[in-house]
Amino acid sequence: MNNVADVIVIGGGIAGIVASLELLDRGRSVCLVERTGGSGFGGLAAWAFGGIFIVDSPIQRKMGMQDSPAIALTDWCSAAEFTPNDA
């Protein structure tokens, strides 16, 4: 059998990228598979641009922004594109 790689990593988000780099540093060959191709490489971390996740901060309240843990969870789940089969 002709192997493609020592390890196949599924998902090109931050966890998949870090896992792949660690494996490469240890001399393993890696096949990293990302469902969206190059456009999705980096996952949600690519969208964050180094930002931090803050919910219902004093500044948000001062600016009249409606936020809460429930709203944040709804937004997060929406961005994750969950399907009815996800738990």
PDB file of N, CA and C in Angstrom:
ATOM      1  N   MET A   1       0.841  -1.181   0.000  1.00  0.00           N
ATOM      2  CA  MET A   1       0.000   0.000   0.000  1.00  0.00           C
ATOM      3  C   MET A   1       0.886   1.245   0.000  1.00  0.00           C
ATOM      4  N   ASN A   2       0.536   2.209  -0.830  1.00  0.00           N
ATOM      5  CA  ASN A   2       1.306   3.442  -0.938  1.00  0.00           C
ATOM      6  C   ASN A   2       0.611   4.537  -0.131  1.00  0.00           C
ATOM      7  N   ASN A   3       1.167   4.921   1.014  1.00  0.00           N
ATOM      8  CA  ASN A   3       0.557   5.930   1.883  1.00  0.00           C
ATOM      9  C   ASN A   3       0.780   7.332   1.348  1.00  0.00           C
ATOM     10  N   VAL A   4      -0.248   8.158   1.499  1.00  0.00           N
ATOM     11  CA  VAL A   4      -0.148   9.567   1.125  1.00  0.00           C
ATOM     12  C   VAL A   4       0.649  10.325   2.169  1.00  0.00           C
ATOM     13  N   ALA A   5       0.400   9.998   3.442  1.00  0.00           N
ATOM     14  CA  ALA A   5       1.065  10.700   4.547  1.00  0.00           C
ATOM     15  C   ALA A   5       1.025   9.824   5.784  1.00  0.00           C
ATOM     16  N   ASP A   6       1.874  10.175   6.755  1.00  0.00           N
ATOM     17  CA  ASP A   6       1.831   9.477   8.047  1.00  0.00           C
ATOM     18  C   ASP A   6       0.524   9.772   8.770  1.00  0.00           C
ATOM     19  N   VAL A   7       0.072  11.028   8.656  1.00  0.00           N
ATOM     20  CA  VAL A   7      -1.118  11.480   9.379  1.00  0.00           C
ATOM     21  C   VAL A   7      -1.989  12.299   8.435  1.00  0.00           C
ATOM     22  N   ILE A   8      -3.299  12.105   8.526  1.00  0.00           N
ATOM     23  CA  ILE A   8      -4.251  12.955   7.807  1.00  0.00           C
ATOM     24  C   ILE A   8      -4.962  13.804   8.844  1.00  0.00           C
ATOM     25  N   VAL A   9      -4.900  15.117   8.676  1.00  0.00           N
ATOM     26  CA  VAL A   9      -5.574  16.053   9.577  1.00  0.00           C
ATOM     27  C   VAL A   9      -6.791  16.583   8.832  1.00  0.00           C
ATOM     28  N   ILE A  10      -7.959  16.451   9.462  1.00  0.00           N
ATOM     29  CA  ILE A  10      -9.200  16.905   8.853  1.00  0.00           C
ATOM     30  C   ILE A  10      -9.551  18.275   9.430  1.00  0.00           C
ATOM     31  N   GLY A  11      -9.561  19.282   8.591  1.00  0.00           N
ATOM     32  CA  GLY A  11      -9.939  20.623   9.007  1.00  0.00           C
ATOM     33  C   GLY A  11      -8.754  21.567   9.062  1.00  0.00           C
ATOM     34  N   GLY A  12      -8.841  22.631   8.275  1.00  0.00           N
ATOM     35  CA  GLY A  12      -7.773  23.625   8.204  1.00  0.00           C
ATOM     36  C   GLY A  12      -8.022  24.832   9.079  1.00  0.00           C
ATOM     37  N   GLY A  13      -8.721  24.624  10.213  1.00  0.00           N
ATOM     38  CA  GLY A  13      -8.869  25.690  11.193  1.00  0.00           C
ATOM     39  C   GLY A  13      -7.610  25.789  12.030  1.00  0.00           C
ATOM     40  N   ILE A  14      -7.642  26.624  13.036  1.00  0.00           N
ATOM     41  CA  ILE A  14      -6.438  26.852  13.841  1.00  0.00           C
ATOM     42  C   ILE A  14      -5.930  25.562  14.497  1.00  0.00           C
ATOM     43  N   ALA A  15      -6.842  24.714  14.981  1.00  0.00           N
ATOM     44  CA  ALA A  15      -6.415  23.459  15.616  1.00  0.00           C
ATOM     45  C   ALA A  15      -5.750  22.538  14.601  1.00  0.00           C
ATOM     46  N   GLY A  16      -6.340  22.431  13.407  1.00  0.00           N
ATOM     47  CA  GLY A  16      -5.754  21.585  12.375  1.00  0.00           C
ATOM     48  C   GLY A  16      -4.407  22.093  11.904  1.00  0.00           C
ATOM     49  N   ILE A  17      -4.277  23.405  11.784  1.00  0.00           N
ATOM     50  CA  ILE A  17      -3.007  23.997  11.358  1.00  0.00           C
ATOM     51  C   ILE A  17      -1.927  23.751  12.409  1.00  0.00           C
ATOM     52  N   VAL A  18      -2.263  24.004  13.668  1.00  0.00           N
ATOM     53  CA  VAL A  18      -1.284  23.808  14.753  1.00  0.00           C
ATOM     54  C   VAL A  18      -0.891  22.342  14.847  1.00  0.00           C
ATOM     55  N   ALA A  19      -1.874  21.443  14.779  1.00  0.00           N
ATOM     56  CA  ALA A  19      -1.563  20.007  14.845  1.00  0.00           C
ATOM     57  C   ALA A  19      -0.641  19.607  13.694  1.00  0.00           C
ATOM     58  N   SER A  20      -0.926  20.106  12.498  1.00  0.00           N
ATOM     59  CA  SER A  20      -0.099  19.789  11.336  1.00  0.00           C
ATOM     60  C   SER A  20       1.327  20.300  11.505  1.00  0.00           C
ATOM     61  N   LEU A  21       1.469  21.528  11.978  1.00  0.00           N
ATOM     62  CA  LEU A  21       2.812  22.081  12.190  1.00  0.00           C
ATOM     63  C   LEU A  21       3.586  21.296  13.241  1.00  0.00           C
ATOM     64  N   GLU A  22       2.914  20.915  14.311  1.00  0.00           N
ATOM     65  CA  GLU A  22       3.581  20.109  15.352  1.00  0.00           C
ATOM     66  C   GLU A  22       4.048  18.770  14.786  1.00  0.00           C
ATOM     67  N   LEU A  23       3.202  18.142  13.992  1.00  0.00           N
ATOM     68  CA  LEU A  23       3.579  16.861  13.382  1.00  0.00           C
ATOM     69  C   LEU A  23       4.750  17.039  12.421  1.00  0.00           C
ATOM     70  N   LEU A  24       4.718  18.089  11.605  1.00  0.00           N
ATOM     71  CA  LEU A  24       5.828  18.360  10.689  1.00  0.00           C
ATOM     72  C   LEU A  24       7.120  18.606  11.448  1.00  0.00           C
ATOM     73  N   ASP A  25       7.040  19.345  12.559  1.00  0.00           N
ATOM     74  CA  ASP A  25       8.228  19.597  13.386  1.00  0.00           C
ATOM     75  C   ASP A  25       8.816  18.306  13.936  1.00  0.00           C
ATOM     76  N   ARG A  26       7.981  17.282  14.070  1.00  0.00           N
ATOM     77  CA  ARG A  26       8.421  15.988  14.592  1.00  0.00           C
ATOM     78  C   ARG A  26       8.786  15.007  13.475  1.00  0.00           C
ATOM     79  N   GLY A  27       8.874  15.533  12.248  1.00  0.00           N
ATOM     80  CA  GLY A  27       9.340  14.718  11.135  1.00  0.00           C
ATOM     81  C   GLY A  27       8.284  13.835  10.490  1.00  0.00           C
ATOM     82  N   ARG A  28       7.011  14.046  10.801  1.00  0.00           N
ATOM     83  CA  ARG A  28       5.940  13.249  10.207  1.00  0.00           C
ATOM     84  C   ARG A  28       5.467  13.922   8.919  1.00  0.00           C
ATOM     85  N   SER A  29       5.022  13.122   7.977  1.00  0.00           N
ATOM     86  CA  SER A  29       4.402  13.701   6.787  1.00  0.00           C
ATOM     87  C   SER A  29       2.909  13.860   7.069  1.00  0.00           C
ATOM     88  N   VAL A  30       2.342  14.966   6.569  1.00  0.00           N
ATOM     89  CA  VAL A  30       0.967  15.323   6.916  1.00  0.00           C
ATOM     90  C   VAL A  30       0.183  15.653   5.655  1.00  0.00           C
ATOM     91  N   CYS A  31      -1.044  15.173   5.619  1.00  0.00           N
ATOM     92  CA  CYS A  31      -2.007  15.586   4.603  1.00  0.00           C
ATOM     93  C   CYS A  31      -3.105  16.339   5.338  1.00  0.00           C
ATOM     94  N   LEU A  32      -3.211  17.644   5.095  1.00  0.00           N
ATOM     95  CA  LEU A  32      -4.216  18.488   5.739  1.00  0.00           C
ATOM     96  C   LEU A  32      -5.364  18.683   4.757  1.00  0.00           C
ATOM     97  N   VAL A  33      -6.573  18.283   5.165  1.00  0.00           N
ATOM     98  CA  VAL A  33      -7.752  18.354   4.300  1.00  0.00           C
ATOM     99  C   VAL A  33      -8.703  19.410   4.839  1.00  0.00           C
ATOM    100  N   GLU A  34      -9.060  20.367   3.989  1.00  0.00           N
ATOM    101  CA  GLU A  34      -9.999  21.428   4.365  1.00  0.00           C
ATOM    102  C   GLU A  34     -11.171  21.381   3.393  1.00  0.00           C
ATOM    103  N   ARG A  35     -12.397  21.269   3.906  1.00  0.00           N
ATOM    104  CA  ARG A  35     -13.579  21.092   3.053  1.00  0.00           C
ATOM    105  C   ARG A  35     -13.834  22.259   2.105  1.00  0.00           C
ATOM    106  N   THR A  36     -13.408  23.460   2.474  1.00  0.00           N
ATOM    107  CA  THR A  36     -13.686  24.617   1.627  1.00  0.00           C
ATOM    108  C   THR A  36     -12.533  24.951   0.690  1.00  0.00           C
ATOM    109  N   GLY A  37     -11.508  24.129   0.689  1.00  0.00           N
ATOM    110  CA  GLY A  37     -10.341  24.440  -0.122  1.00  0.00           C
ATOM    111  C   GLY A  37      -9.577  25.604   0.494  1.00  0.00           C
ATOM    112  N   GLY A  38      -8.885  26.349  -0.291  1.00  0.00           N
ATOM    113  CA  GLY A  38      -8.077  27.452   0.220  1.00  0.00           C
ATOM    114  C   GLY A  38      -8.866  28.592   0.819  1.00  0.00           C
ATOM    115  N   SER A  39     -10.120  28.778   0.371  1.00  0.00           N
ATOM    116  CA  SER A  39     -10.895  29.911   0.850  1.00  0.00           C
ATOM    117  C   SER A  39     -11.240  29.813   2.331  1.00  0.00           C
ATOM    118  N   GLY A  40     -11.301  28.603   2.868  1.00  0.00           N
ATOM    119  CA  GLY A  40     -11.661  28.435   4.278  1.00  0.00           C
ATOM    120  C   GLY A  40     -10.482  28.166   5.175  1.00  0.00           C
ATOM    121  N   PHE A  41      -9.276  28.186   4.607  1.00  0.00           N
ATOM    122  CA  PHE A  41      -8.100  27.864   5.414  1.00  0.00           C
ATOM    123  C   PHE A  41      -7.939  28.889   6.530  1.00  0.00           C
ATOM    124  N   GLY A  42      -7.787  28.402   7.731  1.00  0.00           N
ATOM    125  CA  GLY A  42      -7.680  29.268   8.902  1.00  0.00           C
ATOM    126  C   GLY A  42      -8.949  29.262   9.735  1.00  0.00           C
ATOM    127  N   GLY A  43     -10.053  28.790   9.143  1.00  0.00           N
ATOM    128  CA  GLY A  43     -11.311  28.698   9.874  1.00  0.00           C
ATOM    129  C   GLY A  43     -11.750  30.038  10.439  1.00  0.00           C
ATOM    130  N   LEU A  44     -12.416  29.998  11.573  1.00  0.00           N
ATOM    131  CA  LEU A  44     -12.914  31.222  12.198  1.00  0.00           C
ATOM    132  C   LEU A  44     -11.781  32.113  12.693  1.00  0.00           C
ATOM    133  N   ALA A  45     -10.617  31.520  12.947  1.00  0.00           N
ATOM    134  CA  ALA A  45      -9.474  32.323  13.386  1.00  0.00           C
ATOM    135  C   ALA A  45      -9.060  33.314  12.302  1.00  0.00           C
ATOM    136  N   ALA A  46      -9.247  32.945  11.045  1.00  0.00           N
ATOM    137  CA  ALA A  46      -8.907  33.858   9.946  1.00  0.00           C
ATOM    138  C   ALA A  46      -9.833  35.066   9.933  1.00  0.00           C
ATOM    139  N   TRP A  47     -11.060  34.899  10.409  1.00  0.00           N
ATOM    140  CA  TRP A  47     -12.016  36.006  10.467  1.00  0.00           C
ATOM    141  C   TRP A  47     -11.755  36.920  11.647  1.00  0.00           C
ATOM    142  N   ALA A  48     -11.161  36.391  12.703  1.00  0.00           N
ATOM    143  CA  ALA A  48     -11.008  37.126  13.956  1.00  0.00           C
ATOM    144  C   ALA A  48      -9.989  38.261  13.849  1.00  0.00           C
ATOM    145  N   PHE A  49      -9.007  38.125  12.979  1.00  0.00           N
ATOM    146  CA  PHE A  49      -7.964  39.133  12.806  1.00  0.00           C
ATOM    147  C   PHE A  49      -7.331  39.531  14.133  1.00  0.00           C
ATOM    148  N   GLY A  50      -7.138  38.547  15.004  1.00  0.00           N
ATOM    149  CA  GLY A  50      -6.491  38.822  16.281  1.00  0.00           C
ATOM    150  C   GLY A  50      -7.427  39.432  17.307  1.00  0.00           C
ATOM    151  N   GLY A  51      -8.689  39.485  17.004  1.00  0.00           N
ATOM    152  CA  GLY A  51      -9.662  40.067  17.925  1.00  0.00           C
ATOM    153  C   GLY A  51      -9.922  39.180  19.129  1.00  0.00           C
ATOM    154  N   ILE A  52     -10.624  39.708  20.075  1.00  0.00           N
ATOM    155  CA  ILE A  52     -11.007  38.942  21.253  1.00  0.00           C
ATOM    156  C   ILE A  52     -12.523  38.939  21.368  1.00  0.00           C
ATOM    157  N   PHE A  53     -13.023  37.931  22.029  1.00  0.00           N
ATOM    158  CA  PHE A  53     -14.465  37.726  22.150  1.00  0.00           C
ATOM    159  C   PHE A  53     -14.926  38.279  23.494  1.00  0.00           C
ATOM    160  N   ILE A  54     -15.648  39.388  23.458  1.00  0.00           N
ATOM    161  CA  ILE A  54     -16.150  40.021  24.678  1.00  0.00           C
ATOM    162  C   ILE A  54     -17.666  40.121  24.567  1.00  0.00           C
ATOM    163  N   VAL A  55     -18.341  39.743  25.654  1.00  0.00           N
ATOM    164  CA  VAL A  55     -19.800  39.736  25.656  1.00  0.00           C
ATOM    165  C   VAL A  55     -20.318  40.716  26.695  1.00  0.00           C
ATOM    166  N   ASP A  56     -21.246  41.592  26.272  1.00  0.00           N
ATOM    167  CA  ASP A  56     -21.946  42.501  27.174  1.00  0.00           C
ATOM    168  C   ASP A  56     -20.993  43.336  28.029  1.00  0.00           C
ATOM    169  N   SER A  57     -20.030  43.973  27.361  1.00  0.00           N
ATOM    170  CA  SER A  57     -19.048  44.786  28.080  1.00  0.00           C
ATOM    171  C   SER A  57     -19.637  46.146  28.453  1.00  0.00           C
ATOM    172  N   PRO A  58     -19.020  46.842  29.406  1.00  0.00           N
ATOM    173  CA  PRO A  58     -19.479  48.196  29.745  1.00  0.00           C
ATOM    174  C   PRO A  58     -19.472  49.138  28.539  1.00  0.00           C
ATOM    175  N   ILE A  59     -18.488  49.014  27.671  1.00  0.00           N
ATOM    176  CA  ILE A  59     -18.424  49.881  26.488  1.00  0.00           C
ATOM    177  C   ILE A  59     -19.583  49.574  25.545  1.00  0.00           C
ATOM    178  N   GLN A  60     -19.899  48.292  25.372  1.00  0.00           N
ATOM    179  CA  GLN A  60     -21.040  47.936  24.524  1.00  0.00           C
ATOM    180  C   GLN A  60     -22.334  48.527  25.100  1.00  0.00           C
ATOM    181  N   ARG A  61     -22.511  48.396  26.398  1.00  0.00           N
ATOM    182  CA  ARG A  61     -23.717  48.938  27.028  1.00  0.00           C
ATOM    183  C   ARG A  61     -23.775  50.455  26.878  1.00  0.00           C
ATOM    184  N   LYS A  62     -22.627  51.142  27.085  1.00  0.00           N
ATOM    185  CA  LYS A  62     -22.571  52.600  26.961  1.00  0.00           C
ATOM    186  C   LYS A  62     -22.950  53.054  25.558  1.00  0.00           C
ATOM    187  N   MET A  63     -22.581  52.253  24.555  1.00  0.00           N
ATOM    188  CA  MET A  63     -22.875  52.586  23.166  1.00  0.00           C
ATOM    189  C   MET A  63     -24.275  52.133  22.741  1.00  0.00           C
ATOM    190  N   GLY A  64     -25.032  51.556  23.678  1.00  0.00           N
ATOM    191  CA  GLY A  64     -26.395  51.131  23.376  1.00  0.00           C
ATOM    192  C   GLY A  64     -26.501  49.816  22.627  1.00  0.00           C
ATOM    193  N   MET A  65     -25.406  49.052  22.632  1.00  0.00           N
ATOM    194  CA  MET A  65     -25.419  47.763  21.934  1.00  0.00           C
ATOM    195  C   MET A  65     -26.090  46.713  22.809  1.00  0.00           C
ATOM    196  N   GLN A  66     -27.025  46.001  22.231  1.00  0.00           N
ATOM    197  CA  GLN A  66     -27.683  44.904  22.928  1.00  0.00           C
ATOM    198  C   GLN A  66     -26.802  43.665  22.819  1.00  0.00           C
ATOM    199  N   ASP A  67     -26.389  43.111  23.952  1.00  0.00           N
ATOM    200  CA  ASP A  67     -25.577  41.905  23.946  1.00  0.00           C
ATOM    201  C   ASP A  67     -25.848  41.138  25.219  1.00  0.00           C
ATOM    202  N   SER A  68     -25.637  39.848  25.158  1.00  0.00           N
ATOM    203  CA  SER A  68     -25.810  38.977  26.314  1.00  0.00           C
ATOM    204  C   SER A  68     -25.165  37.637  25.972  1.00  0.00           C
ATOM    205  N   PRO A  69     -24.933  36.790  26.959  1.00  0.00           N
ATOM    206  CA  PRO A  69     -24.417  35.441  26.647  1.00  0.00           C
ATOM    207  C   PRO A  69     -25.325  34.685  25.676  1.00  0.00           C
ATOM    208  N   ALA A  70     -26.650  34.840  25.808  1.00  0.00           N
ATOM    209  CA  ALA A  70     -27.576  34.139  24.908  1.00  0.00           C
ATOM    210  C   ALA A  70     -27.445  34.640  23.473  1.00  0.00           C
ATOM    211  N   ILE A  71     -27.346  35.969  23.301  1.00  0.00           N
ATOM    212  CA  ILE A  71     -27.177  36.535  21.961  1.00  0.00           C
ATOM    213  C   ILE A  71     -25.840  36.091  21.370  1.00  0.00           C
ATOM    214  N   ALA A  72     -24.797  36.117  22.174  1.00  0.00           N
ATOM    215  CA  ALA A  72     -23.473  35.713  21.698  1.00  0.00           C
ATOM    216  C   ALA A  72     -23.470  34.252  21.261  1.00  0.00           C
ATOM    217  N   LEU A  73     -24.121  33.373  22.030  1.00  0.00           N
ATOM    218  CA  LEU A  73     -24.178  31.956  21.675  1.00  0.00           C
ATOM    219  C   LEU A  73     -24.937  31.764  20.365  1.00  0.00           C
ATOM    220  N   THR A  74     -26.034  32.476  20.198  1.00  0.00           N
ATOM    221  CA  THR A  74     -26.794  32.385  18.947  1.00  0.00           C
ATOM    222  C   THR A  74     -25.943  32.829  17.767  1.00  0.00           C
ATOM    223  N   ASP A  75     -25.230  33.950  17.920  1.00  0.00           N
ATOM    224  CA  ASP A  75     -24.350  34.442  16.853  1.00  0.00           C
ATOM    225  C   ASP A  75     -23.253  33.426  16.539  1.00  0.00           C
ATOM    226  N   TRP A  76     -22.648  32.879  17.588  1.00  0.00           N
ATOM    227  CA  TRP A  76     -21.550  31.922  17.422  1.00  0.00           C
ATOM    228  C   TRP A  76     -22.039  30.680  16.684  1.00  0.00           C
ATOM    229  N   CYS A  77     -23.174  30.161  17.090  1.00  0.00           N
ATOM    230  CA  CYS A  77     -23.720  28.967  16.439  1.00  0.00           C
ATOM    231  C   CYS A  77     -24.077  29.249  14.988  1.00  0.00           C
ATOM    232  N   SER A  78     -24.567  30.445  14.704  1.00  0.00           N
ATOM    233  CA  SER A  78     -24.892  30.834  13.335  1.00  0.00           C
ATOM    234  C   SER A  78     -23.631  30.878  12.475  1.00  0.00           C
ATOM    235  N   ALA A  79     -22.559  31.448  13.007  1.00  0.00           N
ATOM    236  CA  ALA A  79     -21.297  31.536  12.264  1.00  0.00           C
ATOM    237  C   ALA A  79     -20.710  30.149  12.012  1.00  0.00           C
ATOM    238  N   ALA A  80     -20.979  29.206  12.915  1.00  0.00           N
ATOM    239  CA  ALA A  80     -20.447  27.850  12.776  1.00  0.00           C
ATOM    240  C   ALA A  80     -21.199  27.042  11.724  1.00  0.00           C
ATOM    241  N   GLU A  81     -22.326  27.560  11.256  1.00  0.00           N
ATOM    242  CA  GLU A  81     -23.133  26.894  10.232  1.00  0.00           C
ATOM    243  C   GLU A  81     -23.536  25.478  10.659  1.00  0.00           C
ATOM    244  N   PHE A  82     -23.972  25.336  11.904  1.00  0.00           N
ATOM    245  CA  PHE A  82     -24.432  24.046  12.389  1.00  0.00           C
ATOM    246  C   PHE A  82     -25.635  23.580  11.592  1.00  0.00           C
ATOM    247  N   THR A  83     -25.789  22.282  11.483  1.00  0.00           N
ATOM    248  CA  THR A  83     -26.965  21.683  10.855  1.00  0.00           C
ATOM    249  C   THR A  83     -27.796  21.001  11.940  1.00  0.00           C
ATOM    250  N   PRO A  84     -29.018  20.587  11.632  1.00  0.00           N
ATOM    251  CA  PRO A  84     -29.839  19.894  12.635  1.00  0.00           C
ATOM    252  C   PRO A  84     -29.183  18.612  13.181  1.00  0.00           C
ATOM    253  N   ASN A  85     -28.228  18.047  12.434  1.00  0.00           N
ATOM    254  CA  ASN A  85     -27.561  16.818  12.886  1.00  0.00           C
ATOM    255  C   ASN A  85     -26.406  17.078  13.845  1.00  0.00           C
ATOM    256  N   ASP A  86     -26.023  18.343  14.034  1.00  0.00           N
ATOM    257  CA  ASP A  86     -24.917  18.676  14.936  1.00  0.00           C
ATOM    258  C   ASP A  86     -25.421  18.768  16.365  1.00  0.00           C
ATOM    259  N   ALA A  87     -24.556  18.399  17.292  1.00  0.00           N
ATOM    260  CA  ALA A  87     -24.902  18.494  18.714  1.00  0.00           C
ATOM    261  C   ALA A  87     -23.863  19.331  19.420  1.00  0.00           C
TER     262      ALA A  87
END
